[in-house]
Amino acid sequence: MMRDRFLTGMLTGGIIGASAGLYAMSRMSSRQRKRFMRRGGKMLKSATRVIGMTRGMNIF
């Protein structure tokens, strides 16, 4: 039950975050877009690393 609620929240948050990011990117200049993509790639790598660690520890 707790795991299902967590996954639903993560999925909903991901969808909201992705749509907000797409909206923000549509309002940026090309120079800002390049910087945003670089920063987004770093954040994505660190997020997947954290998710991998939590799965390894069996917290959820």
PDB file of N, CA and C in Angstrom:
ATOM      1  N   MET A   1       0.827  -1.190   0.000  1.00  0.00           N
ATOM      2  CA  MET A   1       0.000   0.000   0.000  1.00  0.00           C
ATOM      3  C   MET A   1       0.874   1.257   0.000  1.00  0.00           C
ATOM      4  N   MET A   2       1.840   1.301   0.917  1.00  0.00           N
ATOM      5  CA  MET A   2       2.723   2.466   1.014  1.00  0.00           C
ATOM      6  C   MET A   2       3.553   2.609  -0.259  1.00  0.00           C
ATOM      7  N   ARG A   3       4.024   1.489  -0.775  1.00  0.00           N
ATOM      8  CA  ARG A   3       4.853   1.524  -1.978  1.00  0.00           C
ATOM      9  C   ARG A   3       4.045   2.016  -3.180  1.00  0.00           C
ATOM     10  N   ASP A   4       2.781   1.574  -3.297  1.00  0.00           N
ATOM     11  CA  ASP A   4       1.929   2.015  -4.399  1.00  0.00           C
ATOM     12  C   ASP A   4       1.686   3.513  -4.330  1.00  0.00           C
ATOM     13  N   ARG A   5       1.448   4.024  -3.151  1.00  0.00           N
ATOM     14  CA  ARG A   5       1.216   5.455  -2.983  1.00  0.00           C
ATOM     15  C   ARG A   5       2.466   6.251  -3.329  1.00  0.00           C
ATOM     16  N   PHE A   6       3.622   5.741  -2.927  1.00  0.00           N
ATOM     17  CA  PHE A   6       4.888   6.405  -3.224  1.00  0.00           C
ATOM     18  C   PHE A   6       5.134   6.446  -4.727  1.00  0.00           C
ATOM     19  N   LEU A   7       4.943   5.314  -5.395  1.00  0.00           N
ATOM     20  CA  LEU A   7       5.165   5.265  -6.836  1.00  0.00           C
ATOM     21  C   LEU A   7       4.188   6.157  -7.583  1.00  0.00           C
ATOM     22  N   THR A   8       2.946   6.218  -7.139  1.00  0.00           N
ATOM     23  CA  THR A   8       1.960   7.096  -7.763  1.00  0.00           C
ATOM     24  C   THR A   8       2.365   8.552  -7.597  1.00  0.00           C
ATOM     25  N   GLY A   9       2.838   8.907  -6.422  1.00  0.00           N
ATOM     26  CA  GLY A   9       3.299  10.273  -6.175  1.00  0.00           C
ATOM     27  C   GLY A   9       4.508  10.619  -7.014  1.00  0.00           C
ATOM     28  N   MET A  10       5.438   9.677  -7.130  1.00  0.00           N
ATOM     29  CA  MET A  10       6.626   9.911  -7.954  1.00  0.00           C
ATOM     30  C   MET A  10       6.257  10.095  -9.418  1.00  0.00           C
ATOM     31  N   LEU A  11       5.343   9.281  -9.902  1.00  0.00           N
ATOM     32  CA  LEU A  11       4.915   9.371 -11.294  1.00  0.00           C
ATOM     33  C   LEU A  11       4.196  10.692 -11.561  1.00  0.00           C
ATOM     34  N   THR A  12       3.294  11.063 -10.656  1.00  0.00           N
ATOM     35  CA  THR A  12       2.570  12.329 -10.814  1.00  0.00           C
ATOM     36  C   THR A  12       3.522  13.513 -10.754  1.00  0.00           C
ATOM     37  N   GLY A  13       4.447  13.491  -9.811  1.00  0.00           N
ATOM     38  CA  GLY A  13       5.435  14.563  -9.701  1.00  0.00           C
ATOM     39  C   GLY A  13       6.317  14.648 -10.937  1.00  0.00           C
ATOM     40  N   GLY A  14       6.674  13.515 -11.479  1.00  0.00           N
ATOM     41  CA  GLY A  14       7.490  13.484 -12.689  1.00  0.00           C
ATOM     42  C   GLY A  14       6.769  14.083 -13.881  1.00  0.00           C
ATOM     43  N   ILE A  15       5.491  13.761 -14.009  1.00  0.00           N
ATOM     44  CA  ILE A  15       4.703  14.307 -15.121  1.00  0.00           C
ATOM     45  C   ILE A  15       4.547  15.816 -14.982  1.00  0.00           C
ATOM     46  N   ILE A  16       4.245  16.275 -13.764  1.00  0.00           N
ATOM     47  CA  ILE A  16       4.099  17.712 -13.528  1.00  0.00           C
ATOM     48  C   ILE A  16       5.428  18.426 -13.781  1.00  0.00           C
ATOM     49  N   GLY A  17       6.518  17.853 -13.289  1.00  0.00           N
ATOM     50  CA  GLY A  17       7.833  18.450 -13.491  1.00  0.00           C
ATOM     51  C   GLY A  17       8.233  18.510 -14.953  1.00  0.00           C
ATOM     52  N   ALA A  18       7.945  17.453 -15.693  1.00  0.00           N
ATOM     53  CA  ALA A  18       8.292  17.424 -17.113  1.00  0.00           C
ATOM     54  C   ALA A  18       7.496  18.463 -17.890  1.00  0.00           C
ATOM     55  N   SER A  19       6.208  18.579 -17.584  1.00  0.00           N
ATOM     56  CA  SER A  19       5.401  19.564 -18.311  1.00  0.00           C
ATOM     57  C   SER A  19       5.818  20.986 -17.947  1.00  0.00           C
ATOM     58  N   ALA A  20       6.176  21.235 -16.686  1.00  0.00           N
ATOM     59  CA  ALA A  20       6.661  22.566 -16.294  1.00  0.00           C
ATOM     60  C   ALA A  20       7.996  22.863 -16.977  1.00  0.00           C
ATOM     61  N   GLY A  21       8.855  21.868 -17.082  1.00  0.00           N
ATOM     62  CA  GLY A  21      10.133  22.046 -17.761  1.00  0.00           C
ATOM     63  C   GLY A  21       9.967  22.341 -19.241  1.00  0.00           C
ATOM     64  N   LEU A  22       9.031  21.648 -19.885  1.00  0.00           N
ATOM     65  CA  LEU A  22       8.782  21.908 -21.301  1.00  0.00           C
ATOM     66  C   LEU A  22       8.234  23.312 -21.516  1.00  0.00           C
ATOM     67  N   TYR A  23       7.355  23.750 -20.646  1.00  0.00           N
ATOM     68  CA  TYR A  23       6.815  25.104 -20.743  1.00  0.00           C
ATOM     69  C   TYR A  23       7.923  26.130 -20.556  1.00  0.00           C
ATOM     70  N   ALA A  24       8.793  25.900 -19.567  1.00  0.00           N
ATOM     71  CA  ALA A  24       9.890  26.828 -19.317  1.00  0.00           C
ATOM     72  C   ALA A  24      10.852  26.855 -20.502  1.00  0.00           C
ATOM     73  N   MET A  25      11.129  25.690 -21.092  1.00  0.00           N
ATOM     74  CA  MET A  25      12.037  25.645 -22.237  1.00  0.00           C
ATOM     75  C   MET A  25      11.469  26.377 -23.438  1.00  0.00           C
ATOM     76  N   SER A  26      10.155  26.341 -23.605  1.00  0.00           N
ATOM     77  CA  SER A  26       9.556  27.026 -24.745  1.00  0.00           C
ATOM     78  C   SER A  26       9.685  28.543 -24.616  1.00  0.00           C
ATOM     79  N   ARG A  27       9.888  29.046 -23.395  1.00  0.00           N
ATOM     80  CA  ARG A  27      10.002  30.473 -23.166  1.00  0.00           C
ATOM     81  C   ARG A  27      11.453  30.967 -23.126  1.00  0.00           C
ATOM     82  N   MET A  28      12.434  30.052 -23.313  1.00  0.00           N
ATOM     83  CA  MET A  28      13.850  30.398 -23.198  1.00  0.00           C
ATOM     84  C   MET A  28      14.460  30.737 -24.551  1.00  0.00           C
ATOM     85  N   SER A  29      15.578  31.448 -24.491  1.00  0.00           N
ATOM     86  CA  SER A  29      16.378  31.661 -25.696  1.00  0.00           C
ATOM     87  C   SER A  29      17.217  30.404 -25.932  1.00  0.00           C
ATOM     88  N   SER A  30      17.848  30.322 -27.102  1.00  0.00           N
ATOM     89  CA  SER A  30      18.626  29.117 -27.409  1.00  0.00           C
ATOM     90  C   SER A  30      19.835  28.980 -26.486  1.00  0.00           C
ATOM     91  N   ARG A  31      20.439  30.080 -26.083  1.00  0.00           N
ATOM     92  CA  ARG A  31      21.583  30.026 -25.175  1.00  0.00           C
ATOM     93  C   ARG A  31      21.163  29.494 -23.806  1.00  0.00           C
ATOM     94  N   GLN A  32      20.030  29.971 -23.295  1.00  0.00           N
ATOM     95  CA  GLN A  32      19.520  29.488 -22.009  1.00  0.00           C
ATOM     96  C   GLN A  32      19.142  28.019 -22.099  1.00  0.00           C
ATOM     97  N   ARG A  33      18.597  27.630 -23.258  1.00  0.00           N
ATOM     98  CA  ARG A  33      18.182  26.240 -23.454  1.00  0.00           C
ATOM     99  C   ARG A  33      19.375  25.291 -23.347  1.00  0.00           C
ATOM    100  N   LYS A  34      20.506  25.662 -23.944  1.00  0.00           N
ATOM    101  CA  LYS A  34      21.705  24.817 -23.876  1.00  0.00           C
ATOM    102  C   LYS A  34      22.176  24.655 -22.436  1.00  0.00           C
ATOM    103  N   ARG A  35      22.186  25.755 -21.688  1.00  0.00           N
ATOM    104  CA  ARG A  35      22.609  25.712 -20.288  1.00  0.00           C
ATOM    105  C   ARG A  35      21.652  24.830 -19.474  1.00  0.00           C
ATOM    106  N   PHE A  36      20.364  24.985 -19.735  1.00  0.00           N
ATOM    107  CA  PHE A  36      19.341  24.210 -19.039  1.00  0.00           C
ATOM    108  C   PHE A  36      19.509  22.716 -19.311  1.00  0.00           C
ATOM    109  N   MET A  37      19.799  22.354 -20.545  1.00  0.00           N
ATOM    110  CA  MET A  37      19.959  20.945 -20.904  1.00  0.00           C
ATOM    111  C   MET A  37      21.181  20.342 -20.212  1.00  0.00           C
ATOM    112  N   ARG A  38      22.273  21.114 -20.119  1.00  0.00           N
ATOM    113  CA  ARG A  38      23.460  20.621 -19.433  1.00  0.00           C
ATOM    114  C   ARG A  38      23.158  20.369 -17.960  1.00  0.00           C
ATOM    115  N   ARG A  39      22.516  21.351 -17.330  1.00  0.00           N
ATOM    116  CA  ARG A  39      22.184  21.231 -15.918  1.00  0.00           C
ATOM    117  C   ARG A  39      21.187  20.099 -15.687  1.00  0.00           C
ATOM    118  N   GLY A  40      20.212  19.960 -16.585  1.00  0.00           N
ATOM    119  CA  GLY A  40      19.209  18.901 -16.460  1.00  0.00           C
ATOM    120  C   GLY A  40      19.814  17.517 -16.560  1.00  0.00           C
ATOM    121  N   GLY A  41      20.809  17.361 -17.418  1.00  0.00           N
ATOM    122  CA  GLY A  41      21.481  16.064 -17.539  1.00  0.00           C
ATOM    123  C   GLY A  41      22.198  15.678 -16.261  1.00  0.00           C
ATOM    124  N   LYS A  42      22.857  16.655 -15.628  1.00  0.00           N
ATOM    125  CA  LYS A  42      23.545  16.384 -14.364  1.00  0.00           C
ATOM    126  C   LYS A  42      22.548  16.014 -13.276  1.00  0.00           C
ATOM    127  N   MET A  43      21.416  16.735 -13.220  1.00  0.00           N
ATOM    128  CA  MET A  43      20.411  16.449 -12.199  1.00  0.00           C
ATOM    129  C   MET A  43      19.803  15.067 -12.410  1.00  0.00           C
ATOM    130  N   LEU A  44      19.574  14.705 -13.667  1.00  0.00           N
ATOM    131  CA  LEU A  44      18.998  13.394 -13.961  1.00  0.00           C
ATOM    132  C   LEU A  44      19.935  12.271 -13.529  1.00  0.00           C
ATOM    133  N   LYS A  45      21.232  12.440 -13.790  1.00  0.00           N
ATOM    134  CA  LYS A  45      22.206  11.423 -13.380  1.00  0.00           C
ATOM    135  C   LYS A  45      22.238  11.267 -11.865  1.00  0.00           C
ATOM    136  N   SER A  46      22.217  12.387 -11.148  1.00  0.00           N
ATOM    137  CA  SER A  46      22.257  12.289  -9.686  1.00  0.00           C
ATOM    138  C   SER A  46      20.966  11.697  -9.138  1.00  0.00           C
ATOM    139  N   ALA A  47      19.820  12.016  -9.760  1.00  0.00           N
ATOM    140  CA  ALA A  47      18.546  11.455  -9.297  1.00  0.00           C
ATOM    141  C   ALA A  47      18.506   9.950  -9.494  1.00  0.00           C
ATOM    142  N   THR A  48      18.997   9.472 -10.636  1.00  0.00           N
ATOM    143  CA  THR A  48      18.990   8.023 -10.856  1.00  0.00           C
ATOM    144  C   THR A  48      19.943   7.328  -9.896  1.00  0.00           C
ATOM    145  N   ARG A  49      21.031   7.985  -9.539  1.00  0.00           N
ATOM    146  CA  ARG A  49      21.973   7.410  -8.570  1.00  0.00           C
ATOM    147  C   ARG A  49      21.304   7.277  -7.195  1.00  0.00           C
ATOM    148  N   VAL A  50      20.556   8.318  -6.781  1.00  0.00           N
ATOM    149  CA  VAL A  50      19.872   8.279  -5.484  1.00  0.00           C
ATOM    150  C   VAL A  50      18.806   7.196  -5.475  1.00  0.00           C
ATOM    151  N   ILE A  51      18.037   7.104  -6.567  1.00  0.00           N
ATOM    152  CA  ILE A  51      16.991   6.076  -6.648  1.00  0.00           C
ATOM    153  C   ILE A  51      17.620   4.686  -6.587  1.00  0.00           C
ATOM    154  N   GLY A  52      18.748   4.515  -7.253  1.00  0.00           N
ATOM    155  CA  GLY A  52      19.447   3.228  -7.213  1.00  0.00           C
ATOM    156  C   GLY A  52      19.908   2.873  -5.817  1.00  0.00           C
ATOM    157  N   MET A  53      20.384   3.873  -5.061  1.00  0.00           N
ATOM    158  CA  MET A  53      20.833   3.615  -3.690  1.00  0.00           C
ATOM    159  C   MET A  53      19.659   3.236  -2.791  1.00  0.00           C
ATOM    160  N   THR A  54      18.509   3.920  -2.936  1.00  0.00           N
ATOM    161  CA  THR A  54      17.362   3.602  -2.079  1.00  0.00           C
ATOM    162  C   THR A  54      16.821   2.219  -2.402  1.00  0.00           C
ATOM    163  N   ARG A  55      16.865   1.824  -3.648  1.00  0.00           N
ATOM    164  CA  ARG A  55      16.410   0.467  -3.989  1.00  0.00           C
ATOM    165  C   ARG A  55      17.365  -0.578  -3.432  1.00  0.00           C
ATOM    166  N   GLY A  56      18.641  -0.251  -3.439  1.00  0.00           N
ATOM    167  CA  GLY A  56      19.633  -1.175  -2.902  1.00  0.00           C
ATOM    168  C   GLY A  56      19.478  -1.374  -1.404  1.00  0.00           C
ATOM    169  N   MET A  57      19.037  -0.337  -0.689  1.00  0.00           N
ATOM    170  CA  MET A  57      18.851  -0.431   0.757  1.00  0.00           C
ATOM    171  C   MET A  57      17.484  -0.971   1.138  1.00  0.00           C
ATOM    172  N   ASN A  58      16.601  -1.180   0.151  1.00  0.00           N
ATOM    173  CA  ASN A  58      15.242  -1.710   0.383  1.00  0.00           C
ATOM    174  C   ASN A  58      14.449  -0.855   1.368  1.00  0.00           C
ATOM    175  N   ILE A  59      14.515   0.451   1.203  1.00  0.00           N
ATOM    176  CA  ILE A  59      13.736   1.339   2.079  1.00  0.00           C
ATOM    177  C   ILE A  59      12.265   1.274   1.707  1.00  0.00           C
ATOM    178  N   PHE A  60      11.991   1.236   0.411  1.00  0.00           N
ATOM    179  CA  PHE A  60      10.586   1.268  -0.038  1.00  0.00           C
ATOM    180  C   PHE A  60      10.158  -0.073  -0.566  1.00  0.00           C
TER     181      PHE A  60
END
